[in-house]
Amino acid sequence: MADTAILSHFHKKQAWMASHINAAQFPTAESKQGLAIYQTAESLPALRGKEDSSSLVEGITVYAVDCHPLMVRYAKTLAMKWPESDHALMLEFLSQLSLTDLDPAPGTDITLYVAMSEGTPVATGMVFTSEEETGSVAGIYDVFGLNADAKRAVLAHVFTSTSADMIVCETA
């Protein structure tokens, strides 16, 4: 039963990410290529337990993306997850993401996070929550850090930010 809920959840997350390009009136060729690269890198998330929040890292503050400047920092930082040859395409795709332009599917909630250290973005993460037949499923995605401490800080934060019945996390 959990497998069905995880698969349904993952498909909703994939649809939301793709909707920013597929629903665009004039998507660029580069944003379409970036979406294809993103989709190729995706893998079905695995069931996880609640993480210990003692992994908080001093000097790193995690912010929910709630304005355009933070969205830009999120996109620029996450684009660095891919090889340098793909950075421009990923930035073109990720810069199309919006938390306000498209209504998410009913029963879903999306929060993007960017972690900062001394005013510089150092990590990203996403919590995509969906209501499934078995209850709420929170997916932890797009966790990337410029270093291990930054990644650990954002991961600890996103795990503590959810109270879903089931937590899944991308394996990569």
N, C-alpha and C. Protein backbone atom coordinates (compact mmCIF):
# COMPACT_ATOMS: atom_id res chain seq x y z
N MET A 1 0.82 -1.19 0.00
CA MET A 1 0.00 0.00 0.00
C MET A 1 0.86 1.26 0.00
N ALA A 2 1.96 1.24 0.75
CA ALA A 2 2.86 2.40 0.79
C ALA A 2 3.46 2.65 -0.58
N ASP A 3 3.77 1.57 -1.32
CA ASP A 3 4.36 1.73 -2.64
C ASP A 3 3.44 2.50 -3.58
N THR A 4 2.14 2.23 -3.51
CA THR A 4 1.17 2.93 -4.34
C THR A 4 1.11 4.41 -3.98
N ALA A 5 1.12 4.71 -2.70
CA ALA A 5 1.08 6.10 -2.25
C ALA A 5 2.35 6.84 -2.67
N ILE A 6 3.50 6.18 -2.54
CA ILE A 6 4.77 6.81 -2.92
C ILE A 6 4.78 7.09 -4.42
N LEU A 7 4.34 6.14 -5.21
CA LEU A 7 4.33 6.31 -6.67
C LEU A 7 3.37 7.44 -7.07
N SER A 8 2.19 7.47 -6.48
CA SER A 8 1.23 8.54 -6.77
C SER A 8 1.81 9.90 -6.39
N HIS A 9 2.40 9.97 -5.22
CA HIS A 9 3.04 11.19 -4.75
C HIS A 9 4.13 11.65 -5.72
N PHE A 10 5.00 10.73 -6.11
CA PHE A 10 6.11 11.05 -7.00
C PHE A 10 5.60 11.57 -8.36
N HIS A 11 4.55 10.98 -8.87
CA HIS A 11 4.00 11.43 -10.16
C HIS A 11 3.44 12.85 -10.04
N LYS A 12 2.85 13.17 -8.90
CA LYS A 12 2.35 14.54 -8.69
C LYS A 12 3.51 15.53 -8.64
N LYS A 13 4.58 15.15 -7.98
CA LYS A 13 5.75 16.02 -7.92
C LYS A 13 6.34 16.22 -9.31
N GLN A 14 6.46 15.14 -10.08
CA GLN A 14 6.98 15.24 -11.45
C GLN A 14 6.09 16.14 -12.30
N ALA A 15 4.79 15.98 -12.17
CA ALA A 15 3.86 16.80 -12.96
C ALA A 15 3.99 18.27 -12.59
N TRP A 16 4.16 18.57 -11.30
CA TRP A 16 4.30 19.97 -10.89
C TRP A 16 5.58 20.57 -11.46
N MET A 17 6.67 19.85 -11.38
CA MET A 17 7.93 20.37 -11.93
C MET A 17 7.82 20.61 -13.43
N ALA A 18 7.22 19.68 -14.15
CA ALA A 18 7.09 19.80 -15.60
C ALA A 18 6.09 20.89 -16.00
N SER A 19 5.11 21.15 -15.15
CA SER A 19 4.06 22.12 -15.50
C SER A 19 4.62 23.51 -15.75
N HIS A 20 5.74 23.83 -15.15
CA HIS A 20 6.31 25.17 -15.33
C HIS A 20 6.83 25.38 -16.74
N ILE A 21 7.13 24.30 -17.42
CA ILE A 21 7.57 24.38 -18.81
C ILE A 21 6.39 24.04 -19.73
N ASN A 22 5.69 22.97 -19.42
CA ASN A 22 4.60 22.51 -20.29
C ASN A 22 3.44 23.48 -20.35
N ALA A 23 3.20 24.24 -19.29
CA ALA A 23 2.10 25.20 -19.27
C ALA A 23 2.53 26.60 -19.71
N ALA A 24 3.82 26.78 -19.95
CA ALA A 24 4.31 28.09 -20.37
C ALA A 24 3.85 28.39 -21.79
N GLN A 25 3.52 29.64 -22.03
CA GLN A 25 3.06 30.02 -23.36
C GLN A 25 4.20 29.93 -24.38
N PHE A 26 5.39 30.33 -23.99
CA PHE A 26 6.53 30.31 -24.90
C PHE A 26 7.75 29.74 -24.20
N PRO A 27 7.75 28.43 -23.90
CA PRO A 27 8.93 27.87 -23.23
C PRO A 27 10.14 27.90 -24.16
N THR A 28 11.29 28.18 -23.60
CA THR A 28 12.50 28.22 -24.41
C THR A 28 13.00 26.80 -24.66
N ALA A 29 13.76 26.65 -25.72
CA ALA A 29 14.38 25.35 -26.01
C ALA A 29 15.29 24.94 -24.87
N GLU A 30 15.98 25.92 -24.28
CA GLU A 30 16.89 25.63 -23.17
C GLU A 30 16.14 25.16 -21.93
N SER A 31 14.98 25.75 -21.64
CA SER A 31 14.22 25.31 -20.47
C SER A 31 13.68 23.90 -20.68
N LYS A 32 13.31 23.57 -21.91
CA LYS A 32 12.86 22.20 -22.22
C LYS A 32 14.00 21.21 -22.04
N GLN A 33 15.20 21.60 -22.47
CA GLN A 33 16.37 20.73 -22.29
C GLN A 33 16.69 20.58 -20.81
N GLY A 34 16.60 21.66 -20.06
CA GLY A 34 16.84 21.59 -18.62
C GLY A 34 15.85 20.67 -17.92
N LEU A 35 14.58 20.75 -18.31
CA LEU A 35 13.57 19.85 -17.76
C LEU A 35 13.92 18.40 -18.07
N ALA A 36 14.35 18.13 -19.29
CA ALA A 36 14.72 16.76 -19.67
C ALA A 36 15.89 16.26 -18.83
N ILE A 37 16.87 17.11 -18.59
CA ILE A 37 18.02 16.74 -17.75
C ILE A 37 17.54 16.46 -16.33
N TYR A 38 16.68 17.32 -15.81
CA TYR A 38 16.13 17.15 -14.46
C TYR A 38 15.39 15.82 -14.35
N GLN A 39 14.53 15.54 -15.33
CA GLN A 39 13.74 14.31 -15.29
C GLN A 39 14.61 13.07 -15.38
N THR A 40 15.68 13.14 -16.16
CA THR A 40 16.60 12.00 -16.28
C THR A 40 17.27 11.70 -14.95
N ALA A 41 17.53 12.73 -14.17
CA ALA A 41 18.22 12.56 -12.88
C ALA A 41 17.29 12.10 -11.76
N GLU A 42 15.97 12.20 -11.96
CA GLU A 42 15.02 11.83 -10.91
C GLU A 42 14.97 10.33 -10.69
N SER A 43 14.73 9.96 -9.45
CA SER A 43 14.51 8.55 -9.12
C SER A 43 13.41 8.48 -8.07
N LEU A 44 12.72 7.35 -8.07
CA LEU A 44 11.63 7.14 -7.12
C LEU A 44 12.16 7.29 -5.70
N PRO A 45 11.50 8.10 -4.87
CA PRO A 45 12.00 8.29 -3.51
C PRO A 45 11.78 7.04 -2.65
N ALA A 46 12.57 6.95 -1.60
CA ALA A 46 12.48 5.82 -0.67
C ALA A 46 11.89 6.30 0.66
N LEU A 47 11.21 5.40 1.33
CA LEU A 47 10.60 5.68 2.62
C LEU A 47 11.70 5.98 3.64
N ARG A 48 11.48 7.02 4.44
CA ARG A 48 12.46 7.42 5.45
C ARG A 48 11.75 7.67 6.77
N GLY A 49 12.50 7.52 7.84
CA GLY A 49 12.00 7.90 9.15
C GLY A 49 12.31 9.36 9.40
N LYS A 50 11.77 9.91 10.45
CA LYS A 50 12.05 11.29 10.82
C LYS A 50 13.51 11.42 11.23
N GLU A 51 14.20 12.40 10.68
CA GLU A 51 15.61 12.62 10.99
C GLU A 51 15.76 13.34 12.32
N ASP A 52 16.90 13.14 12.93
CA ASP A 52 17.24 13.84 14.16
C ASP A 52 17.62 15.27 13.81
N SER A 53 16.98 16.24 14.41
CA SER A 53 17.26 17.64 14.08
C SER A 53 18.51 18.17 14.76
N SER A 54 19.27 17.32 15.43
CA SER A 54 20.50 17.78 16.08
C SER A 54 21.58 18.07 15.05
N SER A 55 21.28 17.86 13.78
CA SER A 55 22.25 18.13 12.72
C SER A 55 22.29 19.60 12.33
N LEU A 56 21.61 20.46 13.08
CA LEU A 56 21.63 21.88 12.76
C LEU A 56 23.07 22.38 12.81
N VAL A 57 23.41 23.21 11.84
CA VAL A 57 24.79 23.68 11.69
C VAL A 57 24.84 25.17 12.00
N GLU A 58 25.74 25.54 12.89
CA GLU A 58 25.90 26.94 13.26
C GLU A 58 26.41 27.74 12.06
N GLY A 59 25.87 28.94 11.89
CA GLY A 59 26.31 29.82 10.81
C GLY A 59 25.54 29.63 9.51
N ILE A 60 24.63 28.66 9.49
CA ILE A 60 23.81 28.44 8.29
C ILE A 60 22.35 28.63 8.68
N THR A 61 21.67 29.51 7.95
CA THR A 61 20.27 29.79 8.19
C THR A 61 19.47 29.34 6.98
N VAL A 62 18.38 28.63 7.22
CA VAL A 62 17.55 28.11 6.14
C VAL A 62 16.29 28.95 6.03
N TYR A 63 15.99 29.39 4.81
CA TYR A 63 14.83 30.23 4.55
C TYR A 63 13.86 29.52 3.61
N ALA A 64 12.57 29.65 3.88
CA ALA A 64 11.57 29.21 2.91
C ALA A 64 11.57 30.22 1.77
N VAL A 65 11.55 29.74 0.56
CA VAL A 65 11.54 30.62 -0.61
C VAL A 65 10.14 31.23 -0.71
N ASP A 66 10.07 32.54 -0.47
CA ASP A 66 8.78 33.22 -0.49
C ASP A 66 8.82 34.52 -1.28
N CYS A 67 9.89 34.73 -2.04
CA CYS A 67 10.00 35.93 -2.85
C CYS A 67 10.95 35.65 -4.02
N HIS A 68 10.90 36.52 -5.01
CA HIS A 68 11.70 36.32 -6.21
C HIS A 68 13.21 36.26 -5.93
N PRO A 69 13.77 37.15 -5.10
CA PRO A 69 15.21 37.06 -4.86
C PRO A 69 15.65 35.71 -4.28
N LEU A 70 14.84 35.13 -3.38
CA LEU A 70 15.19 33.81 -2.85
C LEU A 70 15.01 32.72 -3.91
N MET A 71 14.02 32.88 -4.80
CA MET A 71 13.83 31.91 -5.88
C MET A 71 15.05 31.92 -6.81
N VAL A 72 15.57 33.09 -7.09
CA VAL A 72 16.77 33.20 -7.93
C VAL A 72 17.94 32.49 -7.26
N ARG A 73 18.11 32.71 -5.96
CA ARG A 73 19.20 32.05 -5.23
C ARG A 73 19.01 30.53 -5.22
N TYR A 74 17.76 30.09 -5.06
CA TYR A 74 17.45 28.66 -5.09
C TYR A 74 17.86 28.08 -6.45
N ALA A 75 17.42 28.70 -7.53
CA ALA A 75 17.70 28.19 -8.88
C ALA A 75 19.20 28.18 -9.17
N LYS A 76 19.88 29.26 -8.84
CA LYS A 76 21.33 29.33 -9.12
C LYS A 76 22.10 28.29 -8.32
N THR A 77 21.70 28.07 -7.08
CA THR A 77 22.41 27.10 -6.23
C THR A 77 22.12 25.68 -6.68
N LEU A 78 20.85 25.35 -6.90
CA LEU A 78 20.50 23.99 -7.30
C LEU A 78 21.09 23.64 -8.67
N ALA A 79 21.21 24.59 -9.56
CA ALA A 79 21.79 24.32 -10.89
C ALA A 79 23.21 23.78 -10.77
N MET A 80 23.89 24.14 -9.68
CA MET A 80 25.27 23.67 -9.48
C MET A 80 25.34 22.18 -9.14
N LYS A 81 24.20 21.55 -8.91
CA LYS A 81 24.16 20.11 -8.63
C LYS A 81 24.57 19.31 -9.87
N TRP A 82 24.36 19.88 -11.03
CA TRP A 82 24.66 19.20 -12.29
C TRP A 82 26.04 19.57 -12.80
N PRO A 83 26.57 18.78 -13.74
CA PRO A 83 27.88 19.11 -14.31
C PRO A 83 27.88 20.53 -14.89
N GLU A 84 29.03 21.15 -14.88
CA GLU A 84 29.14 22.54 -15.34
C GLU A 84 28.59 22.72 -16.75
N SER A 85 28.74 21.71 -17.59
CA SER A 85 28.24 21.80 -18.97
C SER A 85 26.71 21.93 -19.02
N ASP A 86 26.02 21.55 -17.95
CA ASP A 86 24.55 21.63 -17.90
C ASP A 86 24.04 22.80 -17.07
N HIS A 87 24.92 23.57 -16.44
CA HIS A 87 24.49 24.65 -15.55
C HIS A 87 23.53 25.62 -16.22
N ALA A 88 23.86 26.09 -17.43
CA ALA A 88 23.02 27.09 -18.09
C ALA A 88 21.63 26.54 -18.39
N LEU A 89 21.56 25.29 -18.85
CA LEU A 89 20.26 24.68 -19.15
C LEU A 89 19.44 24.48 -17.88
N MET A 90 20.11 24.04 -16.81
CA MET A 90 19.41 23.83 -15.55
C MET A 90 18.92 25.16 -14.97
N LEU A 91 19.74 26.19 -15.08
CA LEU A 91 19.33 27.50 -14.59
C LEU A 91 18.13 28.02 -15.39
N GLU A 92 18.14 27.79 -16.69
CA GLU A 92 17.01 28.21 -17.53
C GLU A 92 15.73 27.50 -17.09
N PHE A 93 15.82 26.20 -16.82
CA PHE A 93 14.65 25.44 -16.36
C PHE A 93 14.24 25.88 -14.96
N LEU A 94 15.18 25.86 -14.02
CA LEU A 94 14.84 26.16 -12.62
C LEU A 94 14.35 27.59 -12.43
N SER A 95 14.79 28.50 -13.29
CA SER A 95 14.33 29.89 -13.16
C SER A 95 12.86 30.04 -13.57
N GLN A 96 12.29 29.01 -14.18
CA GLN A 96 10.87 29.04 -14.55
C GLN A 96 9.96 28.62 -13.40
N LEU A 97 10.55 28.03 -12.35
CA LEU A 97 9.73 27.59 -11.21
C LEU A 97 9.08 28.80 -10.55
N SER A 98 7.85 28.61 -10.16
CA SER A 98 7.13 29.67 -9.46
C SER A 98 6.18 29.03 -8.46
N LEU A 99 6.12 29.60 -7.30
CA LEU A 99 5.19 29.12 -6.28
C LEU A 99 3.86 29.86 -6.35
N THR A 100 3.76 30.85 -7.24
CA THR A 100 2.54 31.65 -7.30
C THR A 100 1.86 31.66 -8.66
N ASP A 101 2.58 31.43 -9.74
CA ASP A 101 2.00 31.53 -11.08
C ASP A 101 1.05 30.38 -11.43
N LEU A 102 1.34 29.20 -10.92
CA LEU A 102 0.53 28.02 -11.22
C LEU A 102 -0.06 27.47 -9.93
N ASP A 103 -1.34 27.16 -9.97
CA ASP A 103 -1.95 26.52 -8.81
C ASP A 103 -1.50 25.07 -8.76
N PRO A 104 -0.99 24.63 -7.62
CA PRO A 104 -0.62 23.21 -7.52
C PRO A 104 -1.88 22.35 -7.53
N ALA A 105 -1.70 21.08 -7.79
CA ALA A 105 -2.83 20.16 -7.77
C ALA A 105 -3.49 20.19 -6.40
N PRO A 106 -4.81 19.98 -6.35
CA PRO A 106 -5.48 19.93 -5.05
C PRO A 106 -4.83 18.88 -4.14
N GLY A 107 -4.71 19.23 -2.87
CA GLY A 107 -4.12 18.29 -1.91
C GLY A 107 -2.61 18.25 -1.93
N THR A 108 -1.99 19.25 -2.56
CA THR A 108 -0.52 19.30 -2.55
C THR A 108 -0.06 20.62 -1.96
N ASP A 109 1.13 20.58 -1.40
CA ASP A 109 1.76 21.77 -0.84
C ASP A 109 3.25 21.69 -1.15
N ILE A 110 3.81 22.77 -1.65
CA ILE A 110 5.22 22.77 -2.04
C ILE A 110 5.93 23.90 -1.31
N THR A 111 7.05 23.58 -0.68
CA THR A 111 7.89 24.59 -0.06
C THR A 111 9.32 24.35 -0.52
N LEU A 112 9.92 25.39 -1.06
CA LEU A 112 11.33 25.36 -1.46
C LEU A 112 12.13 26.06 -0.38
N TYR A 113 13.35 25.60 -0.17
CA TYR A 113 14.23 26.18 0.85
C TYR A 113 15.58 26.51 0.25
N VAL A 114 16.15 27.60 0.73
CA VAL A 114 17.53 27.95 0.39
C VAL A 114 18.24 28.24 1.71
N ALA A 115 19.42 27.66 1.86
CA ALA A 115 20.23 27.87 3.06
C ALA A 115 21.31 28.89 2.74
N MET A 116 21.53 29.80 3.69
CA MET A 116 22.50 30.88 3.49
C MET A 116 23.55 30.84 4.59
N SER A 117 24.75 31.19 4.20
CA SER A 117 25.85 31.37 5.14
C SER A 117 26.52 32.69 4.82
N GLU A 118 26.47 33.61 5.76
CA GLU A 118 27.04 34.95 5.58
C GLU A 118 26.51 35.62 4.32
N GLY A 119 25.21 35.45 4.06
CA GLY A 119 24.57 36.10 2.92
C GLY A 119 24.73 35.39 1.59
N THR A 120 25.43 34.27 1.58
CA THR A 120 25.67 33.53 0.35
C THR A 120 24.86 32.23 0.36
N PRO A 121 24.14 31.93 -0.73
CA PRO A 121 23.40 30.67 -0.77
C PRO A 121 24.35 29.48 -0.82
N VAL A 122 24.08 28.47 0.03
CA VAL A 122 24.98 27.32 0.12
C VAL A 122 24.26 25.98 -0.03
N ALA A 123 22.92 25.97 0.00
CA ALA A 123 22.20 24.70 -0.10
C ALA A 123 20.74 24.94 -0.48
N THR A 124 20.11 23.89 -1.00
CA THR A 124 18.70 23.94 -1.37
C THR A 124 17.99 22.68 -0.91
N GLY A 125 16.69 22.76 -0.86
CA GLY A 125 15.86 21.60 -0.57
C GLY A 125 14.41 21.91 -0.90
N MET A 126 13.63 20.87 -1.09
CA MET A 126 12.21 21.01 -1.39
C MET A 126 11.42 20.01 -0.55
N VAL A 127 10.29 20.47 -0.03
CA VAL A 127 9.34 19.55 0.58
C VAL A 127 8.08 19.62 -0.27
N PHE A 128 7.74 18.50 -0.87
CA PHE A 128 6.53 18.39 -1.69
C PHE A 128 5.60 17.44 -0.94
N THR A 129 4.49 17.97 -0.45
CA THR A 129 3.55 17.17 0.33
C THR A 129 2.28 16.95 -0.48
N SER A 130 1.81 15.71 -0.46
CA SER A 130 0.56 15.39 -1.16
C SER A 130 -0.31 14.51 -0.28
N GLU A 131 -1.60 14.68 -0.45
CA GLU A 131 -2.57 13.84 0.25
C GLU A 131 -2.83 12.61 -0.61
N GLU A 132 -2.58 11.46 -0.05
CA GLU A 132 -2.80 10.19 -0.74
C GLU A 132 -3.86 9.41 0.02
N GLU A 133 -4.29 8.28 -0.52
CA GLU A 133 -5.34 7.48 0.12
C GLU A 133 -4.94 7.04 1.53
N THR A 134 -3.64 6.85 1.76
CA THR A 134 -3.16 6.36 3.05
C THR A 134 -2.81 7.48 4.02
N GLY A 135 -2.94 8.73 3.60
CA GLY A 135 -2.58 9.87 4.44
C GLY A 135 -1.63 10.79 3.70
N SER A 136 -1.06 11.73 4.42
CA SER A 136 -0.16 12.69 3.78
C SER A 136 1.23 12.09 3.59
N VAL A 137 1.81 12.41 2.43
CA VAL A 137 3.17 11.98 2.10
C VAL A 137 3.99 13.23 1.84
N ALA A 138 5.09 13.38 2.57
CA ALA A 138 6.01 14.49 2.35
C ALA A 138 7.25 13.94 1.66
N GLY A 139 7.57 14.52 0.54
CA GLY A 139 8.77 14.12 -0.19
C GLY A 139 9.85 15.16 -0.03
N ILE A 140 11.05 14.70 0.29
CA ILE A 140 12.21 15.59 0.43
C ILE A 140 13.00 15.45 -0.87
N TYR A 141 13.11 16.53 -1.61
CA TYR A 141 13.74 16.51 -2.93
C TYR A 141 14.73 17.66 -3.09
N ASP A 142 15.53 17.54 -4.13
CA ASP A 142 16.45 18.61 -4.55
C ASP A 142 17.33 19.12 -3.42
N VAL A 143 17.73 18.21 -2.55
CA VAL A 143 18.65 18.57 -1.48
C VAL A 143 20.05 18.60 -2.08
N PHE A 144 20.64 19.78 -2.02
CA PHE A 144 21.98 19.96 -2.57
C PHE A 144 22.70 20.98 -1.71
N GLY A 145 23.95 20.70 -1.42
CA GLY A 145 24.76 21.65 -0.66
C GLY A 145 26.11 21.83 -1.30
N LEU A 146 26.64 23.03 -1.19
CA LEU A 146 27.97 23.30 -1.72
C LEU A 146 29.04 22.58 -0.92
N ASN A 147 28.68 22.18 0.32
CA ASN A 147 29.58 21.37 1.14
C ASN A 147 28.71 20.49 2.05
N ALA A 148 29.35 19.57 2.74
CA ALA A 148 28.62 18.59 3.56
C ALA A 148 27.83 19.26 4.69
N ASP A 149 28.41 20.29 5.33
CA ASP A 149 27.69 20.97 6.42
C ASP A 149 26.43 21.66 5.90
N ALA A 150 26.53 22.31 4.76
CA ALA A 150 25.38 23.00 4.19
C ALA A 150 24.28 22.00 3.83
N LYS A 151 24.66 20.90 3.23
CA LYS A 151 23.67 19.87 2.87
C LYS A 151 23.02 19.29 4.13
N ARG A 152 23.82 19.02 5.15
CA ARG A 152 23.29 18.48 6.41
C ARG A 152 22.33 19.47 7.06
N ALA A 153 22.67 20.76 7.01
CA ALA A 153 21.82 21.79 7.62
C ALA A 153 20.46 21.87 6.94
N VAL A 154 20.46 21.90 5.61
CA VAL A 154 19.18 22.02 4.91
C VAL A 154 18.37 20.73 5.06
N LEU A 155 19.03 19.59 5.06
CA LEU A 155 18.33 18.32 5.23
C LEU A 155 17.67 18.24 6.60
N ALA A 156 18.40 18.64 7.64
CA ALA A 156 17.84 18.64 9.00
C ALA A 156 16.63 19.57 9.07
N HIS A 157 16.74 20.73 8.43
CA HIS A 157 15.65 21.70 8.47
C HIS A 157 14.40 21.17 7.76
N VAL A 158 14.57 20.61 6.58
CA VAL A 158 13.39 20.16 5.84
C VAL A 158 12.71 18.99 6.53
N PHE A 159 13.50 18.13 7.17
CA PHE A 159 12.88 17.02 7.90
C PHE A 159 12.06 17.52 9.08
N THR A 160 12.53 18.56 9.77
CA THR A 160 11.79 19.07 10.92
C THR A 160 10.60 19.93 10.50
N SER A 161 10.54 20.32 9.23
CA SER A 161 9.47 21.21 8.77
C SER A 161 8.19 20.46 8.40
N THR A 162 8.21 19.14 8.42
CA THR A 162 7.03 18.39 8.00
C THR A 162 6.47 17.54 9.13
N SER A 163 5.16 17.40 9.09
CA SER A 163 4.49 16.53 10.06
C SER A 163 3.65 15.49 9.32
N ALA A 164 4.05 15.16 8.11
CA ALA A 164 3.30 14.21 7.29
C ALA A 164 3.28 12.82 7.91
N ASP A 165 2.30 12.04 7.50
CA ASP A 165 2.18 10.66 7.99
C ASP A 165 3.33 9.79 7.49
N MET A 166 3.81 10.08 6.29
CA MET A 166 4.88 9.30 5.68
C MET A 166 5.88 10.27 5.06
N ILE A 167 7.17 9.99 5.24
CA ILE A 167 8.22 10.82 4.65
C ILE A 167 9.02 9.96 3.69
N VAL A 168 9.21 10.49 2.49
CA VAL A 168 10.05 9.83 1.50
C VAL A 168 11.14 10.80 1.09
N CYS A 169 12.23 10.25 0.60
CA CYS A 169 13.37 11.09 0.24
C CYS A 169 14.01 10.53 -1.01
N GLU A 170 14.42 11.44 -1.92
CA GLU A 170 15.12 10.98 -3.11
C GLU A 170 16.40 10.29 -2.68
N THR A 171 16.83 9.31 -3.44
CA THR A 171 17.98 8.51 -3.04
C THR A 171 19.29 9.10 -3.51
N ALA A 172 19.27 9.98 -4.48
CA ALA A 172 20.53 10.53 -5.00
C ALA A 172 20.98 11.73 -4.22
